[in-house]
Amino acid sequence: MEPRARRPLRLLAVTWDGGGNLPPLVGLIEALVAAGHQVSSLAHRTQSAALTAAGARVLGYDRAPERDAGAPDPGGYEWLTAFDGAAGEDLAAAASQVAPDVLLIDCMMPATLEAAAGLGLPVVALVHTAWQTLRDYLGGVFRRPAEAAPLGLVFSYRKFHTGVAPDNFVWVGPARGHAGASSWRRRAPGLPLVLASLSTAQQGQAPVLRNLCQALAALDVEALVTVGRAFDPAALPAGGRVSLERSVPHEHVLGETDLLITHCGHGTTMAALGFGVPILCLPGRGDQPAVAARVAGLGLGEILDTGSSPDAMGAAIIRLLADQAMRDRARAFALEVGRHPGTNLAVARIEALAATAG
């Protein structure tokens, strides 16, 4: 007997332009669409192209304000709180239009999660960082709504988490959409390759990028520095064997990278650890210091202050490139976490939640 076909689901994903929360959502949507489900997304205009390419129908916000993570920060947590409250109001109209079977809500939208619970529909909290970093952040404001959802999907490595996990959480592992093509090619394949990525969002990292470019240009390495949409690569100093690009899919680079230098955004960090690449951490704000502390605690990298001079940065790069023990630990970590189930598990759990509710 042939297995019974799964009923196609209507899903509504709700997100905001926070930078690193977009890649795992894109990866999840691609997997849901491939499984035959219909996905709509309430999102910012800056996210529309990526979500549409993943297969989602994008709905715009009405009451909630727009945001561009590549522009100067409009007001930090205060802005997010105001946005979240308005987005919770927009959710009801979007749900009426889509008639979803399941709601997928970003974990950093607690008011929207609570509004979703009031609609009487199954709710999934999408957790795009290691839970311990978000659990106590800003006094735990994001904790209760995410833990109260019937299901929480965590796009992180379970081994990266510390402490007791909520019963409703499932560790999917990092997720990203299919990497696009890239014209970037190595210029000096005989030298160590250093990849530097300090967020696609505007986080005031220009001085750090300048010092980092100066440090890399003075070393006997090949370096690729990706600056995201927040900066024009032409505005930064380049020299030696340093390439500056807005974006290169890290999947195309990490397989031959010897060291990653990063702000410790969760997605970038997980990508490096999945490839067994040691990390020089230059954490800024938000969850970045906690992610960096966990990297250092596992012996997979080192933390350096963002105000460090080019000489101090150069010395740290040389030291980490020579640290074979750290490289061995990073490779062992990658082998262990390579067994994470990925987005297929996320799809299965969402389908099971819908079936239970139905």
Protein backbone atom coordinates (compact mmCIF):
# COMPACT_ATOMS: atom_id res chain seq x y z
CA MET A 1 0.00 0.00 0.00
CA GLU A 2 1.31 3.42 -0.87
CA PRO A 3 1.77 5.84 2.07
CA ARG A 4 -0.98 8.43 2.47
CA ALA A 5 0.03 11.80 1.08
CA ARG A 6 0.50 14.57 3.64
CA ARG A 7 -2.08 17.33 3.62
CA PRO A 8 -0.56 20.57 2.35
CA LEU A 9 -0.48 23.12 5.16
CA ARG A 10 -1.00 26.86 5.05
CA LEU A 11 1.65 28.51 7.20
CA LEU A 12 2.13 32.12 8.26
CA ALA A 13 5.64 33.17 9.33
CA VAL A 14 6.09 36.48 11.18
CA THR A 15 9.51 38.12 11.31
CA TRP A 16 11.40 41.43 11.45
CA ASP A 17 14.62 42.72 9.93
CA GLY A 18 17.07 41.84 12.66
CA GLY A 19 19.83 40.69 10.29
CA GLY A 20 20.82 37.22 11.46
CA ASN A 21 17.27 36.00 12.01
CA LEU A 22 16.59 35.89 8.25
CA PRO A 23 18.87 33.02 7.05
CA PRO A 24 17.33 30.30 9.26
CA LEU A 25 13.82 31.42 8.31
CA VAL A 26 14.74 31.27 4.62
CA GLY A 27 16.13 27.76 5.11
CA LEU A 28 12.97 26.65 6.91
CA ILE A 29 10.68 28.14 4.26
CA GLU A 30 12.61 26.42 1.48
CA ALA A 31 12.19 23.08 3.28
CA LEU A 32 8.47 23.66 3.91
CA VAL A 33 7.82 24.62 0.29
CA ALA A 34 9.79 21.58 -0.91
CA ALA A 35 7.52 19.43 1.27
CA GLY A 36 4.47 20.82 -0.55
CA HIS A 37 3.30 23.42 1.97
CA GLN A 38 2.19 27.00 1.31
CA VAL A 39 4.02 29.69 3.26
CA SER A 40 3.10 33.34 3.67
CA SER A 41 5.28 35.73 5.62
CA LEU A 42 4.55 38.97 7.41
CA ALA A 43 7.88 40.75 7.03
CA HIS A 44 9.75 43.98 6.33
CA ARG A 45 10.33 45.18 2.77
CA THR A 46 14.08 44.62 3.10
CA GLN A 47 13.41 40.90 3.61
CA SER A 48 10.95 40.52 0.75
CA ALA A 49 13.36 39.45 -2.00
CA ALA A 50 14.96 36.66 0.04
CA LEU A 51 11.63 35.36 1.33
CA THR A 52 10.04 35.44 -2.11
CA ALA A 53 13.01 33.57 -3.58
CA ALA A 54 12.56 30.92 -0.88
CA GLY A 55 8.98 30.39 -2.06
CA ALA A 56 6.96 32.49 0.38
CA ARG A 57 4.18 34.93 -0.39
CA VAL A 58 5.23 38.12 1.40
CA LEU A 59 2.74 40.34 3.18
CA GLY A 60 3.70 43.82 4.31
CA TYR A 61 3.11 45.36 7.71
CA ASP A 62 0.32 47.91 8.07
CA ARG A 63 0.57 49.34 11.61
CA ALA A 64 4.10 48.16 12.41
CA PRO A 65 6.94 50.42 11.14
CA GLU A 66 9.47 49.39 8.52
CA ARG A 67 13.08 48.64 9.41
CA ASP A 68 16.35 48.27 7.48
CA ALA A 69 19.06 46.51 9.45
CA GLY A 70 21.62 48.01 7.06
CA ALA A 71 20.68 51.53 8.17
CA PRO A 72 21.55 53.17 11.50
CA ASP A 73 19.73 51.60 14.46
CA PRO A 74 16.34 53.34 14.90
CA GLY A 75 16.27 52.89 18.67
CA GLY A 76 17.33 49.47 19.94
CA TYR A 77 15.06 47.59 22.30
CA GLU A 78 12.67 50.53 22.63
CA TRP A 79 12.06 50.44 18.88
CA LEU A 80 11.63 46.65 18.93
CA THR A 81 9.08 46.87 21.75
CA ALA A 82 6.97 49.43 19.87
CA PHE A 83 7.26 47.48 16.63
CA ASP A 84 6.35 44.21 18.32
CA GLY A 85 3.18 45.62 19.80
CA ALA A 86 2.04 46.95 16.43
CA ALA A 87 3.05 43.73 14.67
CA GLY A 88 0.85 41.78 17.07
CA GLU A 89 -2.08 43.87 15.84
CA ASP A 90 -1.13 43.26 12.19
CA LEU A 91 -1.01 39.53 12.84
CA ALA A 92 -4.77 39.22 13.29
CA ALA A 93 -5.46 40.77 9.88
CA ALA A 94 -2.82 38.63 8.19
CA ALA A 95 -4.16 35.45 9.80
CA SER A 96 -7.67 36.33 8.63
CA GLN A 97 -6.35 36.73 5.09
CA VAL A 98 -4.18 33.58 5.02
CA ALA A 99 -6.26 31.26 7.25
CA PRO A 100 -3.10 29.44 8.39
CA ASP A 101 -2.94 26.01 9.98
CA VAL A 102 0.16 27.00 11.99
CA LEU A 103 1.81 30.30 12.95
CA LEU A 104 5.61 30.59 12.93
CA ILE A 105 6.75 33.54 15.07
CA ASP A 106 10.22 34.99 15.63
CA CYS A 107 11.26 34.46 19.26
CA MET A 108 12.25 38.13 19.66
CA MET A 109 8.65 39.21 19.14
CA PRO A 110 7.13 38.35 22.54
CA ALA A 111 4.01 40.52 22.15
CA THR A 112 3.33 38.93 18.77
CA LEU A 113 3.80 35.46 20.27
CA GLU A 114 1.24 36.32 22.92
CA ALA A 115 -1.14 37.72 20.29
CA ALA A 116 -0.67 34.53 18.27
CA ALA A 117 -1.62 32.40 21.27
CA GLY A 118 -4.85 34.37 21.54
CA LEU A 119 -5.89 33.42 18.01
CA GLY A 120 -6.44 29.79 18.97
CA LEU A 121 -3.98 28.48 16.37
CA PRO A 122 -0.89 26.26 16.86
CA VAL A 123 2.15 28.47 17.42
CA VAL A 124 5.84 27.73 16.80
CA ALA A 125 8.52 29.98 18.30
CA LEU A 126 11.51 30.32 15.95
CA VAL A 127 14.67 30.57 18.07
CA HIS A 128 17.63 31.81 16.04
CA THR A 129 20.34 31.84 18.70
CA ALA A 130 21.55 29.54 21.45
CA TRP A 131 18.78 29.58 24.04
CA GLN A 132 20.97 30.40 27.05
CA THR A 133 22.06 33.64 25.37
CA LEU A 134 18.45 34.75 24.83
CA ARG A 135 16.98 33.27 28.00
CA ASP A 136 18.40 35.94 30.32
CA TYR A 137 18.89 38.73 27.77
CA LEU A 138 17.29 42.04 28.84
CA GLY A 139 16.01 40.47 32.03
CA GLY A 140 14.39 37.49 30.31
CA VAL A 141 11.76 39.46 28.39
CA PHE A 142 11.83 36.95 25.51
CA ARG A 143 11.75 33.84 27.68
CA ARG A 144 8.17 33.24 28.82
CA PRO A 145 6.32 33.63 25.46
CA ALA A 146 8.80 31.34 23.68
CA GLU A 147 8.64 28.70 26.39
CA ALA A 148 4.83 28.90 26.42
CA ALA A 149 4.50 28.11 22.71
CA PRO A 150 3.48 24.53 21.90
CA LEU A 151 6.72 24.13 19.94
CA GLY A 152 10.05 25.95 19.83
CA LEU A 153 12.44 25.24 16.97
CA VAL A 154 16.03 26.12 17.87
CA PHE A 155 18.32 26.73 14.90
CA SER A 156 21.46 26.05 16.89
CA TYR A 157 23.67 23.17 17.99
CA ARG A 158 22.47 21.43 21.16
CA LYS A 159 26.06 21.09 22.32
CA PHE A 160 26.43 24.86 22.17
CA HIS A 161 23.62 25.24 24.73
CA THR A 162 24.20 25.11 28.48
CA GLY A 163 21.69 24.38 31.20
CA VAL A 164 18.30 22.71 31.18
CA ALA A 165 16.29 23.22 28.00
CA PRO A 166 12.54 23.95 27.94
CA ASP A 167 10.43 20.87 27.26
CA ASN A 168 8.87 22.36 24.13
CA PHE A 169 12.21 23.04 22.40
CA VAL A 170 13.61 20.96 19.56
CA TRP A 171 17.19 21.50 18.37
CA VAL A 172 17.12 21.55 14.59
CA GLY A 173 20.65 22.78 14.05
CA PRO A 174 21.66 25.84 12.00
CA ALA A 175 19.69 26.42 8.82
CA ARG A 176 20.35 28.57 5.79
CA GLY A 177 18.84 28.82 2.35
CA HIS A 178 20.62 27.49 -0.71
CA ALA A 179 23.79 29.46 -1.32
CA GLY A 180 23.82 31.48 -4.50
CA ALA A 181 26.64 31.60 -6.98
CA SER A 182 29.74 33.66 -6.25
CA SER A 183 32.41 35.14 -8.49
CA TRP A 184 34.94 35.30 -5.67
CA ARG A 185 38.03 33.16 -6.20
CA ARG A 186 41.16 32.64 -4.16
CA ARG A 187 44.12 34.85 -5.08
CA ALA A 188 46.87 33.12 -3.07
CA PRO A 189 45.89 29.49 -2.43
CA GLY A 190 49.29 28.68 -0.96
CA LEU A 191 48.70 30.98 2.03
CA PRO A 192 46.38 30.63 5.06
CA LEU A 193 42.90 31.95 4.31
CA VAL A 194 41.26 34.28 6.84
CA LEU A 195 37.57 35.13 6.49
CA ALA A 196 36.33 38.23 8.32
CA SER A 197 32.62 39.00 8.69
CA LEU A 198 31.35 41.61 11.16
CA SER A 199 27.59 41.48 10.57
CA THR A 200 25.43 42.35 7.58
CA ALA A 201 23.61 44.86 9.78
CA GLN A 202 24.68 48.35 10.77
CA GLN A 203 26.17 48.02 14.25
CA GLY A 204 28.74 50.81 14.28
CA GLN A 205 31.53 48.45 13.24
CA ALA A 206 33.32 50.80 10.80
CA PRO A 207 36.31 51.53 13.11
CA VAL A 208 36.76 47.82 13.81
CA LEU A 209 36.65 47.00 10.10
CA ARG A 210 39.29 49.65 9.34
CA ASN A 211 41.68 48.33 12.00
CA LEU A 212 41.04 44.77 10.91
CA CYS A 213 41.76 45.52 7.25
CA GLN A 214 44.98 47.26 8.26
CA ALA A 215 46.01 44.28 10.39
CA LEU A 216 45.29 41.74 7.66
CA ALA A 217 47.11 43.71 4.97
CA ALA A 218 50.32 43.52 7.03
CA LEU A 219 50.23 39.71 7.40
CA ASP A 220 51.38 36.93 5.13
CA VAL A 221 47.83 35.61 4.62
CA GLU A 222 45.02 35.81 2.11
CA ALA A 223 41.93 37.49 3.52
CA LEU A 224 38.32 37.93 2.47
CA VAL A 225 36.36 40.61 4.33
CA THR A 226 32.58 40.68 3.78
CA VAL A 227 30.91 43.92 4.89
CA GLY A 228 27.20 43.35 4.17
CA ARG A 229 24.77 45.98 2.99
CA ALA A 230 25.73 48.40 5.75
CA PHE A 231 28.99 49.53 4.10
CA ASP A 232 30.46 50.27 0.71
CA PRO A 233 33.60 48.10 0.33
CA ALA A 234 35.28 50.97 -1.54
CA ALA A 235 35.13 53.07 1.63
CA LEU A 236 37.42 50.69 3.53
CA PRO A 237 41.20 50.37 3.18
CA ALA A 238 42.43 47.36 1.27
CA GLY A 239 45.97 46.24 0.74
CA GLY A 240 48.13 43.18 0.45
CA ARG A 241 46.02 40.15 -0.34
CA VAL A 242 42.81 41.47 1.25
CA SER A 243 39.60 41.20 -0.80
CA LEU A 244 36.59 43.32 0.20
CA GLU A 245 33.12 42.19 -0.82
CA ARG A 246 29.59 43.07 0.24
CA SER A 247 28.61 39.42 0.38
CA VAL A 248 30.02 36.02 -0.50
CA PRO A 249 28.08 32.91 0.62
CA HIS A 250 30.16 31.62 3.50
CA GLU A 251 29.44 28.05 2.44
CA HIS A 252 31.66 28.69 -0.58
CA VAL A 253 34.55 29.86 1.61
CA LEU A 254 34.53 28.08 4.97
CA GLY A 255 35.64 24.73 3.56
CA GLU A 256 39.10 26.17 2.91
CA THR A 257 39.17 28.82 5.65
CA ASP A 258 41.83 28.58 8.37
CA LEU A 259 40.40 31.26 10.68
CA LEU A 260 37.13 33.20 10.95
CA ILE A 261 37.10 36.68 12.46
CA THR A 262 33.57 37.64 13.45
CA HIS A 263 31.33 39.76 15.67
CA CYS A 264 29.90 36.42 16.86
CA GLY A 265 26.49 36.72 15.36
CA HIS A 266 24.93 33.36 15.99
CA GLY A 267 24.45 32.25 12.38
CA THR A 268 27.97 33.13 11.27
CA THR A 269 29.44 31.45 14.34
CA MET A 270 27.46 28.24 13.84
CA ALA A 271 28.47 28.11 10.17
CA ALA A 272 32.16 28.28 11.11
CA LEU A 273 31.83 25.65 13.84
CA GLY A 274 30.02 23.36 11.43
CA PHE A 275 33.06 23.53 9.15
CA GLY A 276 35.54 23.09 12.01
CA VAL A 277 37.02 26.58 11.67
CA PRO A 278 38.53 28.31 14.77
CA ILE A 279 37.21 31.78 15.57
CA LEU A 280 38.66 35.12 16.62
CA CYS A 281 35.71 36.76 18.36
CA LEU A 282 35.15 40.53 18.24
CA PRO A 283 31.71 40.67 19.90
CA GLY A 284 29.63 43.81 19.88
CA ARG A 285 26.13 43.90 21.34
CA GLY A 286 23.03 41.81 21.87
CA ASP A 287 23.71 38.10 22.15
CA GLN A 288 27.22 38.44 20.68
CA PRO A 289 29.19 38.57 23.97
CA ALA A 290 27.39 35.46 25.23
CA VAL A 291 28.00 33.58 21.98
CA ALA A 292 31.68 34.60 22.07
CA ALA A 293 32.01 33.48 25.69
CA ARG A 294 30.63 30.06 24.79
CA VAL A 295 33.06 29.76 21.84
CA ALA A 296 35.97 30.58 24.14
CA GLY A 297 34.64 28.30 26.88
CA LEU A 298 34.61 25.36 24.46
CA GLY A 299 38.18 26.14 23.44
CA LEU A 300 37.13 26.85 19.85
CA GLY A 301 38.28 30.46 19.69
CA GLU A 302 39.53 33.53 21.48
CA ILE A 303 37.89 36.84 22.41
CA LEU A 304 39.49 40.16 21.50
CA ASP A 305 38.21 43.62 22.44
CA THR A 306 36.72 45.54 19.52
CA GLY A 307 38.88 48.54 20.43
CA SER A 308 42.09 46.59 19.86
CA SER A 309 44.77 48.16 17.66
CA PRO A 310 45.76 46.71 14.28
CA ASP A 311 48.95 45.39 15.87
CA ALA A 312 47.00 43.57 18.60
CA MET A 313 44.62 42.15 16.01
CA GLY A 314 47.52 40.98 13.86
CA ALA A 315 49.19 39.28 16.83
CA ALA A 316 45.97 37.44 17.70
CA ILE A 317 45.51 36.28 14.11
CA ILE A 318 49.06 34.91 13.97
CA ARG A 319 48.61 33.19 17.35
CA LEU A 320 45.37 31.47 16.38
CA LEU A 321 46.60 30.38 12.97
CA ALA A 322 49.48 28.60 14.73
CA ASP A 323 47.27 26.93 17.38
CA GLN A 324 47.00 23.34 16.15
CA ALA A 325 45.28 22.15 19.33
CA MET A 326 42.46 24.66 18.81
CA ARG A 327 42.14 23.56 15.20
CA ASP A 328 41.86 19.94 16.31
CA ARG A 329 39.13 20.82 18.82
CA ALA A 330 37.20 22.75 16.18
CA ARG A 331 37.33 19.81 13.78
CA ALA A 332 36.22 17.38 16.49
CA PHE A 333 33.29 19.67 17.36
CA ALA A 334 32.27 19.81 13.71
CA LEU A 335 32.29 16.02 13.43
CA GLU A 336 30.09 15.68 16.49
CA VAL A 337 27.49 18.31 15.57
CA GLY A 338 27.37 17.09 11.97
CA ARG A 339 24.73 14.62 13.13
CA HIS A 340 22.11 17.33 13.72
CA PRO A 341 18.88 16.49 11.84
CA GLY A 342 18.34 19.83 10.09
CA THR A 343 15.22 21.32 8.55
CA ASN A 344 13.64 17.93 7.76
CA LEU A 345 13.04 17.55 11.50
CA ALA A 346 11.59 21.06 11.66
CA VAL A 347 9.13 20.25 8.87
CA ALA A 348 8.12 16.98 10.54
CA ARG A 349 7.50 18.68 13.89
CA ILE A 350 5.41 21.43 12.30
CA GLU A 351 3.35 18.80 10.44
CA ALA A 352 2.86 16.83 13.66
CA LEU A 353 1.75 19.96 15.51
CA ALA A 354 -0.80 20.74 12.80
CA ALA A 355 -2.09 17.16 12.83
CA THR A 356 -2.53 17.23 16.62
CA ALA A 357 -4.40 20.52 16.45
CA GLY A 358 -6.57 19.28 13.60
